[in-house]
Amino acid sequence: MEFNKFIDHTLLSPSATEGEILQLCKEALIHQFYAVCINSSYVNIAKQALVRSNVKICTVVGFPLGAMSTEAKIFEAKKAIEQGATEIDMVMNIGRLKSKNYLAVLKDIADVKRAIGFVPLKVILEISELSKNEIVKACEICIDANADYVKTSTGFSKSGATLTAVKIMKKTVKSRLKIKASGGIRDAETAFKYLDLGVDRIGTSSGVSIVSEALSKAAS
């Protein structure tokens, strides 16, 4: 399996330097990862580093809490796209979901999607904060809001992706939305388990070691 084609090579640390972002882009070019996933202030740097390549530029919006206004999320998303982002990962308003204010959650996502048009929108659910029923409801809202993906985690909460949560997400969205698993996926064996469940993309900062491990096993 070509793991590289499923990987969003990720660096979202608030202390990431410009040099580290450039290194991330270099690694993405070498290994032909599907995308890099970075904070929006670095989109312009990534665009220059990845010019004339097939590597996509994914950026995060409303990250990592999801609790800011819809207007702020829209501004951040549109600005990032202007600068070269080709995919948007936005954080769902988890507090509104837990308040059972489902209309507000729906409107938040739908308004961002409407603002960015055909640019793929992945909605981060932050599964570590949600019950099984809340994961189901979050997925249903994302379907209704015309999102393109549901994504497990920011990587900045108590825990990241789990196989159990992804099974729930897959059962709920079926083929209507794609799924991105992220947070804590650091080796080829774990990555394969998620892909085997039907995940379409993997967000990880360990892309290089995952691909290297997979190649090593294939050669042995």
Foldseek 3Di string as FASTA:
>chain_A
DLQQAFEAQEDEDPPDDLVNVLVSLVVCQVSVHQEHEYALVCLLVSCVSQPPHNHAYEYEFCPPQLQDDLVRRLVSVVVSVVSGHQAYEYEFNQVCLVVVVLVRRLCSLLVSCVSVDPRAYEYEDQCVPDDLVSLLSNLVSCLVSVHAEYEHHPQPDPFFDDPVSLLSNCVRCVPSHAYEGETPPAAQVSSVSSVVSPHRHYYDNNVVRRSVRVVVVVVD
